PDB file of all heavy atoms in Angstrom:
ATOM      1  N   ASP A   1       5.447  -3.728   5.940  1.00  0.00           N
ATOM      2  CA  ASP A   1       6.368  -4.694   6.489  1.00  0.00           C
ATOM      3  C   ASP A   1       5.592  -5.878   7.149  1.00  0.00           C
ATOM      4  O   ASP A   1       6.034  -6.981   6.988  1.00  0.00           O
ATOM      5  CB  ASP A   1       7.318  -4.078   7.472  1.00  0.00           C
ATOM      6  CG  ASP A   1       8.258  -3.113   6.839  1.00  0.00           C
ATOM      7  OD1 ASP A   1       8.453  -3.120   5.617  1.00  0.00           O
ATOM      8  OD2 ASP A   1       8.952  -2.390   7.538  1.00  0.00           O
ATOM      9  N   ARG A   2       4.507  -5.507   7.892  1.00  0.00           N
ATOM     10  CA  ARG A   2       3.707  -6.650   8.513  1.00  0.00           C
ATOM     11  C   ARG A   2       2.969  -7.500   7.502  1.00  0.00           C
ATOM     12  O   ARG A   2       2.884  -8.722   7.703  1.00  0.00           O
ATOM     13  CB  ARG A   2       2.756  -5.934   9.442  1.00  0.00           C
ATOM     14  CG  ARG A   2       3.373  -5.360  10.683  1.00  0.00           C
ATOM     15  CD  ARG A   2       3.624  -6.375  11.753  1.00  0.00           C
ATOM     16  NE  ARG A   2       4.380  -5.759  12.906  1.00  0.00           N
ATOM     17  CZ  ARG A   2       3.833  -5.083  13.853  1.00  0.00           C
ATOM     18  NH1 ARG A   2       2.484  -4.890  13.938  1.00  0.00           N
ATOM     19  NH2 ARG A   2       4.585  -4.704  14.878  1.00  0.00           N
ATOM     20  N   MET A   3       2.590  -6.899   6.461  1.00  0.00           N
ATOM     21  CA  MET A   3       1.911  -7.745   5.396  1.00  0.00           C
ATOM     22  C   MET A   3       2.948  -8.652   4.630  1.00  0.00           C
ATOM     23  O   MET A   3       2.582  -9.752   4.222  1.00  0.00           O
ATOM     24  CB  MET A   3       1.169  -6.917   4.373  1.00  0.00           C
ATOM     25  CG  MET A   3      -0.097  -6.232   4.943  1.00  0.00           C
ATOM     26  SD  MET A   3      -1.176  -5.464   3.757  1.00  0.00           S
ATOM     27  CE  MET A   3      -0.217  -3.980   3.488  1.00  0.00           C
ATOM     28  N   ALA A   4       4.134  -8.183   4.475  1.00  0.00           N
ATOM     29  CA  ALA A   4       5.240  -8.941   3.827  1.00  0.00           C
ATOM     30  C   ALA A   4       4.801  -9.459   2.510  1.00  0.00           C
ATOM     31  O   ALA A   4       5.166 -10.607   2.124  1.00  0.00           O
ATOM     32  CB  ALA A   4       5.647 -10.035   4.818  1.00  0.00           C
ATOM     33  N   LEU A   5       4.246  -8.722   1.703  1.00  0.00           N
ATOM     34  CA  LEU A   5       3.928  -9.035   0.336  1.00  0.00           C
ATOM     35  C   LEU A   5       5.219  -9.057  -0.513  1.00  0.00           C
ATOM     36  O   LEU A   5       6.155  -8.286  -0.170  1.00  0.00           O
ATOM     37  CB  LEU A   5       2.830  -8.171  -0.383  1.00  0.00           C
ATOM     38  CG  LEU A   5       1.451  -8.188   0.379  1.00  0.00           C
ATOM     39  CD1 LEU A   5       0.560  -7.188  -0.238  1.00  0.00           C
ATOM     40  CD2 LEU A   5       0.791  -9.607   0.411  1.00  0.00           C
ATOM     41  N   GLN A   6       5.140  -9.824  -1.618  1.00  0.00           N
ATOM     42  CA  GLN A   6       6.392  -9.928  -2.431  1.00  0.00           C
ATOM     43  C   GLN A   6       6.215  -9.115  -3.723  1.00  0.00           C
ATOM     44  O   GLN A   6       4.985  -8.985  -4.244  1.00  0.00           O
ATOM     45  CB  GLN A   6       6.629 -11.368  -2.847  1.00  0.00           C
ATOM     46  CG  GLN A   6       7.014 -12.287  -1.518  1.00  0.00           C
ATOM     47  CD  GLN A   6       8.104 -11.715  -0.814  1.00  0.00           C
ATOM     48  OE1 GLN A   6       9.243 -11.513  -1.292  1.00  0.00           O
ATOM     49  NE2 GLN A   6       7.946 -11.498   0.571  1.00  0.00           N
ATOM     50  N   PRO A   7       7.276  -8.621  -4.443  1.00  0.00           N
ATOM     51  CA  PRO A   7       7.113  -7.943  -5.641  1.00  0.00           C
ATOM     52  C   PRO A   7       6.244  -8.689  -6.628  1.00  0.00           C
ATOM     53  O   PRO A   7       6.411  -9.959  -6.704  1.00  0.00           O
ATOM     54  CB  PRO A   7       8.509  -7.826  -6.133  1.00  0.00           C
ATOM     55  CG  PRO A   7       9.380  -7.724  -4.853  1.00  0.00           C
ATOM     56  CD  PRO A   7       8.620  -8.712  -3.933  1.00  0.00           C
ATOM     57  N   GLY A   8       5.327  -7.943  -7.402  1.00  0.00           N
ATOM     58  CA  GLY A   8       4.529  -8.575  -8.251  1.00  0.00           C
ATOM     59  C   GLY A   8       3.118  -8.878  -7.678  1.00  0.00           C
ATOM     60  O   GLY A   8       2.120  -9.129  -8.440  1.00  0.00           O
ATOM     61  N   GLN A   9       2.993  -9.091  -6.344  1.00  0.00           N
ATOM     62  CA  GLN A   9       1.771  -9.280  -5.820  1.00  0.00           C
ATOM     63  C   GLN A   9       0.867  -8.065  -5.777  1.00  0.00           C
ATOM     64  O   GLN A   9       1.353  -6.940  -5.983  1.00  0.00           O
ATOM     65  CB  GLN A   9       1.857  -9.860  -4.311  1.00  0.00           C
ATOM     66  CG  GLN A   9       2.412 -11.195  -4.247  1.00  0.00           C
ATOM     67  CD  GLN A   9       2.255 -11.862  -2.851  1.00  0.00           C
ATOM     68  OE1 GLN A   9       3.112 -11.472  -1.950  1.00  0.00           O
ATOM     69  NE2 GLN A   9       1.461 -12.835  -2.683  1.00  0.00           N
ATOM     70  N   VAL A  10      -0.475  -8.268  -5.572  1.00  0.00           N
ATOM     71  CA  VAL A  10      -1.341  -7.121  -5.688  1.00  0.00           C
ATOM     72  C   VAL A  10      -1.913  -6.761  -4.343  1.00  0.00           C
ATOM     73  O   VAL A  10      -2.365  -7.437  -3.531  1.00  0.00           O
ATOM     74  CB  VAL A  10      -2.568  -7.576  -6.595  1.00  0.00           C
ATOM     75  CG1 VAL A  10      -3.613  -6.408  -6.739  1.00  0.00           C
ATOM     76  CG2 VAL A  10      -2.114  -8.092  -7.892  1.00  0.00           C
ATOM     77  N   LEU A  11      -1.897  -5.378  -4.113  1.00  0.00           N
ATOM     78  CA  LEU A  11      -2.296  -4.803  -2.836  1.00  0.00           C
ATOM     79  C   LEU A  11      -3.458  -3.877  -3.217  1.00  0.00           C
ATOM     80  O   LEU A  11      -3.344  -2.952  -4.103  1.00  0.00           O
ATOM     81  CB  LEU A  11      -1.176  -3.925  -2.260  1.00  0.00           C
ATOM     82  CG  LEU A  11      -1.574  -3.162  -1.010  1.00  0.00           C
ATOM     83  CD1 LEU A  11      -1.899  -4.062   0.300  1.00  0.00           C
ATOM     84  CD2 LEU A  11      -0.389  -2.153  -0.540  1.00  0.00           C
ATOM     85  N   ALA A  12      -4.572  -3.950  -2.432  1.00  0.00           N
ATOM     86  CA  ALA A  12      -5.615  -2.913  -2.418  1.00  0.00           C
ATOM     87  C   ALA A  12      -5.497  -1.980  -1.408  1.00  0.00           C
ATOM     88  O   ALA A  12      -5.065  -2.343  -0.344  1.00  0.00           O
ATOM     89  CB  ALA A  12      -7.007  -3.652  -2.389  1.00  0.00           C
ATOM     90  N   VAL A  13      -5.872  -0.695  -1.636  1.00  0.00           N
ATOM     91  CA  VAL A  13      -5.728   0.327  -0.654  1.00  0.00           C
ATOM     92  C   VAL A  13      -7.031   1.172  -0.518  1.00  0.00           C
ATOM     93  O   VAL A  13      -7.532   1.590  -1.594  1.00  0.00           O
ATOM     94  CB  VAL A  13      -4.508   1.245  -0.969  1.00  0.00           C
ATOM     95  CG1 VAL A  13      -4.331   2.354   0.093  1.00  0.00           C
ATOM     96  CG2 VAL A  13      -3.309   0.520  -1.152  1.00  0.00           C
ATOM     97  N   THR A  14      -7.611   1.178   0.653  1.00  0.00           N
ATOM     98  CA  THR A  14      -8.708   2.160   0.859  1.00  0.00           C
ATOM     99  C   THR A  14      -8.261   3.458   1.472  1.00  0.00           C
ATOM    100  O   THR A  14      -7.239   3.427   2.226  1.00  0.00           O
ATOM    101  CB  THR A  14      -9.839   1.523   1.707  1.00  0.00           C
ATOM    102  OG1 THR A  14      -9.455   1.393   3.054  1.00  0.00           O
ATOM    103  CG2 THR A  14     -10.263   0.166   1.118  1.00  0.00           C
ATOM    104  N   GLY A  15      -8.984   4.473   1.196  1.00  0.00           N
ATOM    105  CA  GLY A  15      -8.527   5.824   1.785  1.00  0.00           C
ATOM    106  C   GLY A  15      -7.251   6.269   1.104  1.00  0.00           C
ATOM    107  O   GLY A  15      -6.399   6.949   1.700  1.00  0.00           O
ATOM    108  N   ALA A  16      -7.092   5.943  -0.142  1.00  0.00           N
ATOM    109  CA  ALA A  16      -5.858   6.200  -0.830  1.00  0.00           C
ATOM    110  C   ALA A  16      -5.514   7.646  -1.084  1.00  0.00           C
ATOM    111  O   ALA A  16      -4.338   7.994  -1.259  1.00  0.00           O
ATOM    112  CB  ALA A  16      -5.829   5.501  -2.258  1.00  0.00           C
ATOM    113  N   ALA A  17      -6.521   8.524  -0.972  1.00  0.00           N
ATOM    114  CA  ALA A  17      -6.156   9.935  -1.163  1.00  0.00           C
ATOM    115  C   ALA A  17      -5.813  10.590   0.171  1.00  0.00           C
ATOM    116  O   ALA A  17      -5.280  11.754   0.148  1.00  0.00           O
ATOM    117  CB  ALA A  17      -7.488  10.675  -1.692  1.00  0.00           C
ATOM    118  N   GLY A  18      -5.937   9.852   1.282  1.00  0.00           N
ATOM    119  CA  GLY A  18      -5.493  10.409   2.614  1.00  0.00           C
ATOM    120  C   GLY A  18      -3.995  10.173   2.733  1.00  0.00           C
ATOM    121  O   GLY A  18      -3.298   9.734   1.929  1.00  0.00           O
ATOM    122  N   SER A  19      -3.483  10.815   3.845  1.00  0.00           N
ATOM    123  CA  SER A  19      -2.033  10.764   4.069  1.00  0.00           C
ATOM    124  C   SER A  19      -1.521   9.324   4.303  1.00  0.00           C
ATOM    125  O   SER A  19      -0.591   9.011   3.613  1.00  0.00           O
ATOM    126  CB  SER A  19      -1.650  11.643   5.280  1.00  0.00           C
ATOM    127  OG  SER A  19      -2.020  13.004   5.004  1.00  0.00           O
ATOM    128  N   PHE A  20      -2.085   8.555   5.157  1.00  0.00           N
ATOM    129  CA  PHE A  20      -1.643   7.201   5.365  1.00  0.00           C
ATOM    130  C   PHE A  20      -1.824   6.444   4.070  1.00  0.00           C
ATOM    131  O   PHE A  20      -0.933   5.797   3.584  1.00  0.00           O
ATOM    132  CB  PHE A  20      -2.404   6.483   6.455  1.00  0.00           C
ATOM    133  CG  PHE A  20      -2.218   5.031   6.555  1.00  0.00           C
ATOM    134  CD1 PHE A  20      -1.168   4.416   6.963  1.00  0.00           C
ATOM    135  CD2 PHE A  20      -3.299   4.165   6.049  1.00  0.00           C
ATOM    136  CE1 PHE A  20      -0.994   2.980   6.981  1.00  0.00           C
ATOM    137  CE2 PHE A  20      -3.198   2.798   6.098  1.00  0.00           C
ATOM    138  CZ  PHE A  20      -2.044   2.287   6.552  1.00  0.00           C
ATOM    139  N   GLY A  21      -3.014   6.437   3.462  1.00  0.00           N
ATOM    140  CA  GLY A  21      -3.253   5.626   2.230  1.00  0.00           C
ATOM    141  C   GLY A  21      -2.309   6.020   1.042  1.00  0.00           C
ATOM    142  O   GLY A  21      -1.869   5.303   0.310  1.00  0.00           O
ATOM    143  N   GLY A  22      -2.115   7.429   0.963  1.00  0.00           N
ATOM    144  CA  GLY A  22      -1.177   7.841  -0.130  1.00  0.00           C
ATOM    145  C   GLY A  22       0.241   7.277   0.033  1.00  0.00           C
ATOM    146  O   GLY A  22       0.858   6.947  -0.954  1.00  0.00           O
ATOM    147  N   TYR A  23       0.701   7.320   1.270  1.00  0.00           N
ATOM    148  CA  TYR A  23       2.045   6.817   1.495  1.00  0.00           C
ATOM    149  C   TYR A  23       2.064   5.345   1.326  1.00  0.00           C
ATOM    150  O   TYR A  23       3.080   4.836   0.694  1.00  0.00           O
ATOM    151  CB  TYR A  23       2.520   7.171   2.939  1.00  0.00           C
ATOM    152  CG  TYR A  23       2.928   8.544   3.202  1.00  0.00           C
ATOM    153  CD1 TYR A  23       2.502   9.319   4.305  1.00  0.00           C
ATOM    154  CD2 TYR A  23       3.735   9.227   2.330  1.00  0.00           C
ATOM    155  CE1 TYR A  23       2.915  10.613   4.508  1.00  0.00           C
ATOM    156  CE2 TYR A  23       4.109  10.625   2.503  1.00  0.00           C
ATOM    157  CZ  TYR A  23       3.698  11.221   3.569  1.00  0.00           C
ATOM    158  OH  TYR A  23       4.004  12.555   3.777  1.00  0.00           O
ATOM    159  N   VAL A  24       0.930   4.561   1.684  1.00  0.00           N
ATOM    160  CA  VAL A  24       0.929   3.130   1.332  1.00  0.00           C
ATOM    161  C   VAL A  24       1.106   2.941  -0.153  1.00  0.00           C
ATOM    162  O   VAL A  24       1.837   2.080  -0.587  1.00  0.00           O
ATOM    163  CB  VAL A  24      -0.292   2.537   1.918  1.00  0.00           C
ATOM    164  CG1 VAL A  24      -0.397   1.150   1.407  1.00  0.00           C
ATOM    165  CG2 VAL A  24      -0.318   2.511   3.471  1.00  0.00           C
ATOM    166  N   VAL A  25       0.295   3.659  -0.895  1.00  0.00           N
ATOM    167  CA  VAL A  25       0.349   3.549  -2.380  1.00  0.00           C
ATOM    168  C   VAL A  25       1.792   3.784  -2.933  1.00  0.00           C
ATOM    169  O   VAL A  25       2.384   2.900  -3.587  1.00  0.00           O
ATOM    170  CB  VAL A  25      -0.603   4.519  -3.154  1.00  0.00           C
ATOM    171  CG1 VAL A  25      -0.347   4.473  -4.655  1.00  0.00           C
ATOM    172  CG2 VAL A  25      -2.041   4.111  -2.811  1.00  0.00           C
ATOM    173  N   GLN A  26       2.497   4.897  -2.522  1.00  0.00           N
ATOM    174  CA  GLN A  26       3.793   5.215  -3.018  1.00  0.00           C
ATOM    175  C   GLN A  26       4.868   4.227  -2.586  1.00  0.00           C
ATOM    176  O   GLN A  26       5.694   3.667  -3.376  1.00  0.00           O
ATOM    177  CB  GLN A  26       4.173   6.599  -2.636  1.00  0.00           C
ATOM    178  CG  GLN A  26       3.269   7.694  -3.378  1.00  0.00           C
ATOM    179  CD  GLN A  26       3.830   9.115  -3.132  1.00  0.00           C
ATOM    180  OE1 GLN A  26       4.183   9.513  -2.108  1.00  0.00           O
ATOM    181  NE2 GLN A  26       4.002   9.734  -4.320  1.00  0.00           N
ATOM    182  N   LEU A  27       4.795   3.844  -1.312  1.00  0.00           N
ATOM    183  CA  LEU A  27       5.725   2.894  -0.813  1.00  0.00           C
ATOM    184  C   LEU A  27       5.553   1.478  -1.422  1.00  0.00           C
ATOM    185  O   LEU A  27       6.563   0.744  -1.651  1.00  0.00           O
ATOM    186  CB  LEU A  27       5.741   2.839   0.780  1.00  0.00           C
ATOM    187  CG  LEU A  27       6.125   4.109   1.481  1.00  0.00           C
ATOM    188  CD1 LEU A  27       5.862   3.931   2.916  1.00  0.00           C
ATOM    189  CD2 LEU A  27       7.582   4.443   1.108  1.00  0.00           C
ATOM    190  N   ALA A  28       4.270   1.158  -1.602  1.00  0.00           N
ATOM    191  CA  ALA A  28       4.029  -0.265  -2.240  1.00  0.00           C
ATOM    192  C   ALA A  28       4.581  -0.243  -3.670  1.00  0.00           C
ATOM    193  O   ALA A  28       5.114  -1.313  -4.124  1.00  0.00           O
ATOM    194  CB  ALA A  28       2.563  -0.512  -2.158  1.00  0.00           C
TER     195      ALA A  28
END
């Protein structure tokens, strides 16, 4: 929500196998 990216934009995620990172991947 704070990043406010729009559909189609690209997000990189570090720590993606962790709990926070994994949820970021799925919600993104």
